[in-house]
Amino acid sequence: MADGGEQDAKLSRLVEVTLDEKSIRRATPDIDHERKVAIFDLLDENYFELIEGASGPYCLNLSLAESRLVFAVTSEKRSPITTFMLSLSPFRKIVKDYFMVCESYYDAIKTAPPSRIEALDMGRRGLHDEGSRLLAERLEGKIEVDFPTARRLFTLICVLHWKG
């Protein structure tokens, strides 16, 4: 049954991730770059499995609807499987703080000493990790993800939150 684990890994994954165009606000080049990198990295390596429902591989569309984050999951052939909605309220403070630190970080890169840049980068990564853990917790019982997948999904949540 050595092939079973490998087959499960091929099924428990995302093969396409899209962001609802109506949910995306005009972004800075840095935010747009983060979005593209997050999607590329997410598709390259991820673990995503529905707790109940059809097995993957899956396609995911993320959008916003009435202060909620919408996870629309379909099969690889685009057959609807399920839709989950998560309140954005628990993410607001982390995302706000994350954007504030990111802005300081991108400004610091231009003129600040390396020690200041490193400190801001550590703060940025810490907030990103905190948001990623919160996302994994909020998905518990619905979708199982590993930490790297949660990190990349959190990046996409930040993109959807961006006010532009």
N, C-alpha and C. Protein backbone atom coordinates (compact mmCIF):
# COMPACT_ATOMS: atom_id res chain seq x y z
N MET A 1 0.81 -1.20 0.00
CA MET A 1 0.00 0.00 0.00
C MET A 1 0.85 1.26 0.00
N ALA A 2 2.11 1.16 -0.39
CA ALA A 2 2.99 2.32 -0.43
C ALA A 2 2.43 3.38 -1.37
N ASP A 3 1.75 2.94 -2.42
CA ASP A 3 1.19 3.90 -3.38
C ASP A 3 -0.01 4.63 -2.81
N GLY A 4 -0.66 4.09 -1.77
CA GLY A 4 -1.83 4.74 -1.18
C GLY A 4 -1.52 6.12 -0.65
N GLY A 5 -0.40 6.28 0.05
CA GLY A 5 -0.02 7.59 0.59
C GLY A 5 0.27 8.58 -0.52
N GLU A 6 0.94 8.10 -1.56
CA GLU A 6 1.24 8.97 -2.70
C GLU A 6 -0.04 9.36 -3.43
N GLN A 7 -0.96 8.41 -3.59
CA GLN A 7 -2.24 8.70 -4.24
C GLN A 7 -3.05 9.70 -3.41
N ASP A 8 -3.07 9.51 -2.07
CA ASP A 8 -3.77 10.45 -1.19
C ASP A 8 -3.21 11.85 -1.34
N ALA A 9 -1.88 11.97 -1.43
CA ALA A 9 -1.24 13.27 -1.58
C ALA A 9 -1.66 13.94 -2.89
N LYS A 10 -1.85 13.15 -3.94
CA LYS A 10 -2.29 13.71 -5.22
C LYS A 10 -3.74 14.17 -5.16
N LEU A 11 -4.54 13.54 -4.31
CA LEU A 11 -5.95 13.90 -4.19
C LEU A 11 -6.19 15.03 -3.19
N SER A 12 -5.39 15.09 -2.15
CA SER A 12 -5.59 16.07 -1.07
C SER A 12 -4.83 17.35 -1.37
N ARG A 13 -5.25 17.98 -2.47
CA ARG A 13 -4.53 19.17 -2.88
C ARG A 13 -5.39 20.08 -3.75
N LEU A 14 -4.94 21.31 -3.83
CA LEU A 14 -5.55 22.29 -4.72
C LEU A 14 -4.81 22.28 -6.04
N VAL A 15 -5.56 22.29 -7.13
CA VAL A 15 -4.94 22.35 -8.46
C VAL A 15 -5.23 23.69 -9.15
N GLU A 16 -6.15 24.46 -8.56
CA GLU A 16 -6.44 25.80 -9.08
C GLU A 16 -6.96 26.67 -7.95
N VAL A 17 -6.48 27.90 -7.90
CA VAL A 17 -6.95 28.87 -6.92
C VAL A 17 -7.22 30.17 -7.65
N THR A 18 -8.43 30.69 -7.46
CA THR A 18 -8.79 31.97 -8.06
C THR A 18 -9.35 32.89 -6.98
N LEU A 19 -9.19 34.16 -7.22
CA LEU A 19 -9.80 35.18 -6.37
C LEU A 19 -10.89 35.85 -7.17
N ASP A 20 -12.04 36.00 -6.55
CA ASP A 20 -13.17 36.65 -7.20
C ASP A 20 -12.77 38.06 -7.60
N GLU A 21 -12.87 38.37 -8.89
CA GLU A 21 -12.46 39.68 -9.40
C GLU A 21 -13.22 40.82 -8.74
N LYS A 22 -14.48 40.61 -8.39
CA LYS A 22 -15.27 41.66 -7.74
C LYS A 22 -14.79 41.91 -6.31
N SER A 23 -14.12 40.92 -5.72
CA SER A 23 -13.65 41.05 -4.34
C SER A 23 -12.28 41.70 -4.26
N ILE A 24 -11.53 41.67 -5.34
CA ILE A 24 -10.18 42.22 -5.33
C ILE A 24 -10.24 43.72 -5.54
N ARG A 25 -9.60 44.43 -4.67
CA ARG A 25 -9.52 45.87 -4.82
C ARG A 25 -8.21 46.22 -5.53
N ARG A 26 -8.15 47.42 -6.07
CA ARG A 26 -6.93 47.85 -6.73
C ARG A 26 -5.77 47.74 -5.74
N ALA A 27 -4.70 47.12 -6.16
CA ALA A 27 -3.59 46.84 -5.25
C ALA A 27 -2.32 47.54 -5.72
N THR A 28 -1.42 47.67 -4.77
CA THR A 28 -0.09 48.18 -5.10
C THR A 28 0.66 47.07 -5.83
N PRO A 29 1.74 47.41 -6.51
CA PRO A 29 2.55 46.36 -7.15
C PRO A 29 3.05 45.31 -6.14
N ASP A 30 3.38 45.75 -4.92
CA ASP A 30 3.85 44.80 -3.90
C ASP A 30 2.76 43.80 -3.54
N ILE A 31 1.52 44.27 -3.36
CA ILE A 31 0.42 43.38 -3.01
C ILE A 31 0.09 42.46 -4.17
N ASP A 32 0.09 42.99 -5.38
CA ASP A 32 -0.18 42.17 -6.56
C ASP A 32 0.88 41.08 -6.71
N HIS A 33 2.13 41.44 -6.46
CA HIS A 33 3.22 40.46 -6.52
C HIS A 33 3.03 39.37 -5.45
N GLU A 34 2.69 39.79 -4.22
CA GLU A 34 2.46 38.82 -3.14
C GLU A 34 1.35 37.84 -3.52
N ARG A 35 0.28 38.35 -4.15
CA ARG A 35 -0.83 37.50 -4.57
C ARG A 35 -0.37 36.46 -5.58
N LYS A 36 0.36 36.91 -6.60
CA LYS A 36 0.83 35.99 -7.64
C LYS A 36 1.78 34.93 -7.07
N VAL A 37 2.68 35.37 -6.21
CA VAL A 37 3.63 34.43 -5.61
C VAL A 37 2.90 33.43 -4.72
N ALA A 38 1.94 33.93 -3.92
CA ALA A 38 1.19 33.03 -3.03
C ALA A 38 0.43 31.98 -3.82
N ILE A 39 -0.22 32.38 -4.90
CA ILE A 39 -0.96 31.41 -5.71
C ILE A 39 0.00 30.42 -6.37
N PHE A 40 1.10 30.92 -6.93
CA PHE A 40 2.08 30.03 -7.56
C PHE A 40 2.62 29.02 -6.55
N ASP A 41 3.05 29.51 -5.38
CA ASP A 41 3.59 28.62 -4.35
C ASP A 41 2.53 27.66 -3.82
N LEU A 42 1.32 28.15 -3.67
CA LEU A 42 0.22 27.31 -3.18
C LEU A 42 -0.05 26.16 -4.13
N LEU A 43 -0.08 26.45 -5.42
CA LEU A 43 -0.34 25.39 -6.40
C LEU A 43 0.83 24.44 -6.53
N ASP A 44 2.03 24.95 -6.29
CA ASP A 44 3.23 24.12 -6.39
C ASP A 44 3.27 23.07 -5.29
N GLU A 45 2.87 23.47 -4.08
CA GLU A 45 2.92 22.53 -2.96
C GLU A 45 1.85 22.92 -1.95
N ASN A 46 0.90 22.02 -1.71
CA ASN A 46 -0.14 22.29 -0.72
C ASN A 46 -0.75 21.00 -0.22
N TYR A 47 -1.39 21.12 0.93
CA TYR A 47 -2.21 20.03 1.46
C TYR A 47 -3.55 20.63 1.82
N PHE A 48 -4.60 20.16 1.17
CA PHE A 48 -5.94 20.71 1.32
C PHE A 48 -6.91 19.55 1.18
N GLU A 49 -7.66 19.27 2.24
CA GLU A 49 -8.58 18.14 2.18
C GLU A 49 -9.87 18.49 2.92
N LEU A 50 -10.99 18.24 2.26
CA LEU A 50 -12.28 18.43 2.91
C LEU A 50 -12.45 17.34 3.96
N ILE A 51 -12.96 17.72 5.12
CA ILE A 51 -13.21 16.74 6.18
C ILE A 51 -14.37 15.84 5.78
N GLU A 52 -15.42 16.43 5.23
CA GLU A 52 -16.56 15.67 4.73
C GLU A 52 -16.80 16.08 3.29
N GLY A 53 -17.17 15.13 2.47
CA GLY A 53 -17.46 15.46 1.07
C GLY A 53 -16.54 14.75 0.13
N ALA A 54 -16.61 15.16 -1.10
CA ALA A 54 -15.84 14.52 -2.17
C ALA A 54 -14.34 14.68 -1.95
N SER A 55 -13.61 13.73 -2.47
CA SER A 55 -12.15 13.83 -2.42
C SER A 55 -11.68 14.70 -3.58
N GLY A 56 -10.45 15.14 -3.48
CA GLY A 56 -9.87 16.03 -4.50
C GLY A 56 -9.29 15.25 -5.64
N PRO A 57 -8.50 15.95 -6.43
CA PRO A 57 -8.02 17.31 -6.23
C PRO A 57 -9.13 18.34 -6.38
N TYR A 58 -8.85 19.54 -5.81
CA TYR A 58 -9.87 20.57 -5.70
C TYR A 58 -9.46 21.86 -6.43
N CYS A 59 -10.47 22.63 -6.76
CA CYS A 59 -10.29 24.01 -7.22
C CYS A 59 -10.93 24.88 -6.14
N LEU A 60 -10.33 26.03 -5.88
CA LEU A 60 -10.83 26.91 -4.84
C LEU A 60 -10.98 28.32 -5.38
N ASN A 61 -12.14 28.90 -5.11
CA ASN A 61 -12.36 30.30 -5.41
C ASN A 61 -12.60 31.01 -4.09
N LEU A 62 -11.80 32.04 -3.83
CA LEU A 62 -11.96 32.84 -2.62
C LEU A 62 -12.62 34.15 -2.98
N SER A 63 -13.57 34.55 -2.16
CA SER A 63 -14.25 35.83 -2.39
C SER A 63 -14.72 36.39 -1.05
N LEU A 64 -15.23 37.61 -1.11
CA LEU A 64 -15.81 38.26 0.05
C LEU A 64 -17.29 38.47 -0.19
N ALA A 65 -18.08 38.23 0.84
CA ALA A 65 -19.52 38.49 0.76
C ALA A 65 -20.00 38.90 2.14
N GLU A 66 -20.46 40.14 2.27
CA GLU A 66 -21.03 40.63 3.52
C GLU A 66 -20.15 40.35 4.73
N SER A 67 -18.92 40.82 4.69
CA SER A 67 -17.96 40.67 5.80
C SER A 67 -17.63 39.21 6.11
N ARG A 68 -17.75 38.38 5.10
CA ARG A 68 -17.39 36.97 5.26
C ARG A 68 -16.44 36.56 4.15
N LEU A 69 -15.56 35.64 4.50
CA LEU A 69 -14.66 35.05 3.53
C LEU A 69 -15.33 33.79 3.00
N VAL A 70 -15.46 33.70 1.68
CA VAL A 70 -16.16 32.58 1.06
C VAL A 70 -15.15 31.64 0.40
N PHE A 71 -15.17 30.39 0.81
CA PHE A 71 -14.37 29.32 0.21
C PHE A 71 -15.33 28.50 -0.66
N ALA A 72 -15.28 28.66 -1.97
CA ALA A 72 -16.09 27.86 -2.87
C ALA A 72 -15.20 26.77 -3.45
N VAL A 73 -15.49 25.53 -3.07
CA VAL A 73 -14.65 24.39 -3.46
C VAL A 73 -15.37 23.59 -4.55
N THR A 74 -14.65 23.33 -5.63
CA THR A 74 -15.19 22.51 -6.71
C THR A 74 -14.22 21.38 -7.00
N SER A 75 -14.72 20.42 -7.80
CA SER A 75 -13.85 19.35 -8.25
C SER A 75 -12.92 19.90 -9.33
N GLU A 76 -11.98 19.10 -9.71
CA GLU A 76 -11.05 19.47 -10.78
C GLU A 76 -11.81 19.74 -12.08
N LYS A 77 -12.98 19.10 -12.22
CA LYS A 77 -13.81 19.29 -13.42
C LYS A 77 -14.85 20.40 -13.23
N ARG A 78 -14.68 21.20 -12.15
CA ARG A 78 -15.52 22.36 -11.83
C ARG A 78 -16.93 22.02 -11.34
N SER A 79 -17.15 20.79 -10.90
CA SER A 79 -18.43 20.44 -10.29
C SER A 79 -18.44 20.98 -8.86
N PRO A 80 -19.46 21.74 -8.47
CA PRO A 80 -19.51 22.28 -7.11
C PRO A 80 -19.49 21.16 -6.07
N ILE A 81 -18.69 21.36 -5.03
CA ILE A 81 -18.63 20.39 -3.94
C ILE A 81 -19.24 21.01 -2.68
N THR A 82 -18.68 22.16 -2.27
CA THR A 82 -19.18 22.80 -1.07
C THR A 82 -18.73 24.25 -1.04
N THR A 83 -19.40 25.01 -0.20
CA THR A 83 -19.02 26.40 0.04
C THR A 83 -19.03 26.64 1.54
N PHE A 84 -17.95 27.23 2.04
CA PHE A 84 -17.84 27.59 3.45
C PHE A 84 -17.72 29.10 3.55
N MET A 85 -18.31 29.65 4.59
CA MET A 85 -18.17 31.08 4.85
C MET A 85 -17.58 31.24 6.24
N LEU A 86 -16.55 32.06 6.33
CA LEU A 86 -15.92 32.37 7.62
C LEU A 86 -16.07 33.85 7.89
N SER A 87 -16.37 34.21 9.12
CA SER A 87 -16.42 35.60 9.50
C SER A 87 -15.01 36.19 9.40
N LEU A 88 -14.93 37.40 8.88
CA LEU A 88 -13.64 38.09 8.80
C LEU A 88 -13.27 38.79 10.10
N SER A 89 -14.22 38.93 11.00
CA SER A 89 -13.97 39.66 12.25
C SER A 89 -12.73 39.19 13.00
N PRO A 90 -12.52 37.88 13.18
CA PRO A 90 -11.33 37.46 13.92
C PRO A 90 -10.01 37.82 13.22
N PHE A 91 -10.05 38.07 11.92
CA PHE A 91 -8.84 38.37 11.16
C PHE A 91 -8.53 39.87 11.09
N ARG A 92 -9.49 40.71 11.39
CA ARG A 92 -9.34 42.15 11.14
C ARG A 92 -8.11 42.77 11.80
N LYS A 93 -7.92 42.54 13.08
CA LYS A 93 -6.80 43.15 13.79
C LYS A 93 -5.46 42.63 13.26
N ILE A 94 -5.38 41.32 13.05
CA ILE A 94 -4.12 40.75 12.55
C ILE A 94 -3.81 41.32 11.17
N VAL A 95 -4.80 41.37 10.30
CA VAL A 95 -4.58 41.87 8.94
C VAL A 95 -4.19 43.35 8.98
N LYS A 96 -4.87 44.13 9.82
CA LYS A 96 -4.55 45.56 9.94
C LYS A 96 -3.11 45.74 10.41
N ASP A 97 -2.74 45.02 11.47
CA ASP A 97 -1.37 45.10 11.98
C ASP A 97 -0.36 44.62 10.94
N TYR A 98 -0.72 43.56 10.24
CA TYR A 98 0.17 43.00 9.21
C TYR A 98 0.42 44.04 8.11
N PHE A 99 -0.62 44.69 7.64
CA PHE A 99 -0.45 45.71 6.60
C PHE A 99 0.39 46.88 7.11
N MET A 100 0.19 47.27 8.36
CA MET A 100 0.95 48.37 8.92
C MET A 100 2.45 48.02 8.97
N VAL A 101 2.75 46.81 9.42
CA VAL A 101 4.15 46.39 9.50
C VAL A 101 4.73 46.21 8.09
N CYS A 102 3.93 45.67 7.16
CA CYS A 102 4.41 45.52 5.78
C CYS A 102 4.75 46.87 5.17
N GLU A 103 3.89 47.85 5.39
CA GLU A 103 4.14 49.19 4.85
C GLU A 103 5.44 49.75 5.42
N SER A 104 5.64 49.60 6.72
CA SER A 104 6.88 50.06 7.36
C SER A 104 8.08 49.30 6.80
N TYR A 105 7.90 48.01 6.60
CA TYR A 105 8.98 47.17 6.06
C TYR A 105 9.39 47.64 4.66
N TYR A 106 8.40 47.84 3.77
CA TYR A 106 8.71 48.26 2.40
C TYR A 106 9.32 49.66 2.38
N ASP A 107 8.90 50.53 3.28
CA ASP A 107 9.53 51.85 3.39
C ASP A 107 10.96 51.73 3.91
N ALA A 108 11.16 50.86 4.89
CA ALA A 108 12.47 50.69 5.51
C ALA A 108 13.50 50.14 4.53
N ILE A 109 13.06 49.29 3.62
CA ILE A 109 13.98 48.70 2.66
C ILE A 109 14.74 49.78 1.90
N LYS A 110 14.09 50.91 1.68
CA LYS A 110 14.69 51.99 0.89
C LYS A 110 15.83 52.70 1.61
N THR A 111 15.70 52.88 2.93
CA THR A 111 16.68 53.75 3.61
C THR A 111 17.16 53.26 4.97
N ALA A 112 16.47 52.34 5.59
CA ALA A 112 16.78 51.96 6.97
C ALA A 112 17.99 51.04 7.05
N PRO A 113 18.64 51.03 8.21
CA PRO A 113 19.75 50.10 8.42
C PRO A 113 19.24 48.66 8.46
N PRO A 114 20.13 47.72 8.16
CA PRO A 114 19.73 46.30 8.14
C PRO A 114 19.06 45.82 9.43
N SER A 115 19.50 46.31 10.57
CA SER A 115 18.91 45.86 11.83
C SER A 115 17.43 46.24 11.91
N ARG A 116 17.07 47.42 11.42
CA ARG A 116 15.67 47.87 11.42
C ARG A 116 14.84 47.02 10.46
N ILE A 117 15.41 46.74 9.28
CA ILE A 117 14.72 45.92 8.28
C ILE A 117 14.47 44.52 8.82
N GLU A 118 15.49 43.95 9.47
CA GLU A 118 15.36 42.61 10.05
C GLU A 118 14.28 42.57 11.14
N ALA A 119 14.24 43.60 11.98
CA ALA A 119 13.25 43.65 13.05
C ALA A 119 11.83 43.72 12.47
N LEU A 120 11.66 44.57 11.47
CA LEU A 120 10.34 44.67 10.83
C LEU A 120 9.96 43.37 10.13
N ASP A 121 10.94 42.72 9.50
CA ASP A 121 10.67 41.46 8.82
C ASP A 121 10.25 40.38 9.82
N MET A 122 10.90 40.36 10.98
CA MET A 122 10.51 39.39 12.01
C MET A 122 9.09 39.65 12.49
N GLY A 123 8.74 40.93 12.67
CA GLY A 123 7.38 41.28 13.09
C GLY A 123 6.37 40.89 12.03
N ARG A 124 6.72 41.13 10.78
CA ARG A 124 5.84 40.79 9.66
C ARG A 124 5.60 39.29 9.61
N ARG A 125 6.67 38.53 9.74
CA ARG A 125 6.54 37.06 9.70
C ARG A 125 5.75 36.54 10.90
N GLY A 126 5.96 37.15 12.06
CA GLY A 126 5.22 36.73 13.25
C GLY A 126 3.72 36.94 13.10
N LEU A 127 3.33 38.10 12.57
CA LEU A 127 1.91 38.37 12.34
C LEU A 127 1.34 37.44 11.27
N HIS A 128 2.14 37.16 10.26
CA HIS A 128 1.70 36.25 9.20
C HIS A 128 1.47 34.85 9.77
N ASP A 129 2.38 34.41 10.63
CA ASP A 129 2.23 33.10 11.28
C ASP A 129 0.98 33.07 12.16
N GLU A 130 0.74 34.16 12.90
CA GLU A 130 -0.43 34.23 13.77
C GLU A 130 -1.71 34.14 12.94
N GLY A 131 -1.77 34.86 11.83
CA GLY A 131 -2.93 34.81 10.96
C GLY A 131 -3.12 33.43 10.35
N SER A 132 -2.03 32.77 10.02
CA SER A 132 -2.08 31.44 9.43
C SER A 132 -2.61 30.41 10.42
N ARG A 133 -2.16 30.52 11.67
CA ARG A 133 -2.67 29.61 12.70
C ARG A 133 -4.16 29.85 12.95
N LEU A 134 -4.56 31.12 12.97
CA LEU A 134 -5.98 31.44 13.15
C LEU A 134 -6.82 30.86 12.01
N LEU A 135 -6.33 30.99 10.79
CA LEU A 135 -7.06 30.44 9.65
C LEU A 135 -7.21 28.93 9.78
N ALA A 136 -6.13 28.23 10.10
CA ALA A 136 -6.19 26.77 10.26
C ALA A 136 -7.20 26.39 11.35
N GLU A 137 -7.21 27.15 12.46
CA GLU A 137 -8.17 26.90 13.53
C GLU A 137 -9.61 27.11 13.06
N ARG A 138 -9.85 28.19 12.30
CA ARG A 138 -11.19 28.51 11.82
C ARG A 138 -11.69 27.50 10.80
N LEU A 139 -10.76 26.84 10.10
CA LEU A 139 -11.14 25.83 9.11
C LEU A 139 -11.35 24.45 9.73
N GLU A 140 -10.92 24.29 11.01
CA GLU A 140 -11.05 22.99 11.67
C GLU A 140 -12.46 22.45 11.56
N GLY A 141 -12.54 21.16 11.26
CA GLY A 141 -13.83 20.50 11.11
C GLY A 141 -14.43 20.64 9.72
N LYS A 142 -13.83 21.50 8.91
CA LYS A 142 -14.32 21.71 7.54
C LYS A 142 -13.27 21.31 6.51
N ILE A 143 -12.09 21.94 6.65
CA ILE A 143 -10.99 21.72 5.72
C ILE A 143 -9.72 21.52 6.51
N GLU A 144 -8.96 20.50 6.16
CA GLU A 144 -7.67 20.28 6.79
C GLU A 144 -6.58 20.82 5.86
N VAL A 145 -5.73 21.66 6.43
CA VAL A 145 -4.59 22.22 5.69
C VAL A 145 -3.34 22.07 6.54
N ASP A 146 -2.18 22.02 5.87
CA ASP A 146 -0.94 22.06 6.62
C ASP A 146 -0.54 23.53 6.82
N PHE A 147 0.50 23.77 7.61
CA PHE A 147 0.86 25.14 7.93
C PHE A 147 1.31 25.95 6.71
N PRO A 148 2.17 25.40 5.83
CA PRO A 148 2.54 26.18 4.64
C PRO A 148 1.33 26.56 3.77
N THR A 149 0.36 25.67 3.67
CA THR A 149 -0.85 25.98 2.91
C THR A 149 -1.64 27.08 3.61
N ALA A 150 -1.76 27.00 4.93
CA ALA A 150 -2.46 28.04 5.68
C ALA A 150 -1.77 29.39 5.50
N ARG A 151 -0.44 29.40 5.47
CA ARG A 151 0.30 30.66 5.28
C ARG A 151 -0.03 31.28 3.93
N ARG A 152 -0.03 30.48 2.90
CA ARG A 152 -0.30 31.01 1.56
C ARG A 152 -1.76 31.46 1.42
N LEU A 153 -2.66 30.71 2.03
CA LEU A 153 -4.07 31.13 2.02
C LEU A 153 -4.26 32.42 2.80
N PHE A 154 -3.53 32.58 3.91
CA PHE A 154 -3.63 33.83 4.67
C PHE A 154 -3.15 35.01 3.83
N THR A 155 -2.12 34.81 3.04
CA THR A 155 -1.66 35.88 2.14
C THR A 155 -2.79 36.30 1.22
N LEU A 156 -3.52 35.33 0.70
CA LEU A 156 -4.63 35.63 -0.21
C LEU A 156 -5.78 36.33 0.52
N ILE A 157 -6.00 35.98 1.77
CA ILE A 157 -7.01 36.68 2.57
C ILE A 157 -6.60 38.15 2.73
N CYS A 158 -5.32 38.38 2.95
CA CYS A 158 -4.83 39.75 3.06
C CYS A 158 -5.06 40.52 1.76
N VAL A 159 -4.84 39.87 0.63
CA VAL A 159 -5.09 40.51 -0.67
C VAL A 159 -6.55 40.92 -0.78
N LEU A 160 -7.45 40.06 -0.34
CA LEU A 160 -8.87 40.38 -0.41
C LEU A 160 -9.25 41.51 0.55
N HIS A 161 -8.51 41.63 1.65
CA HIS A 161 -8.76 42.68 2.64
C HIS A 161 -8.22 44.03 2.21
N TRP A 162 -7.25 44.03 1.31
CA TRP A 162 -6.53 45.25 0.95
C TRP A 162 -7.50 46.33 0.47
N LYS A 163 -7.39 47.51 1.03
CA LYS A 163 -8.29 48.61 0.69
C LYS A 163 -7.79 49.41 -0.52
N GLY A 164 -6.54 49.25 -0.89
CA GLY A 164 -6.00 49.91 -2.09
C GLY A 164 -5.76 51.37 -1.91
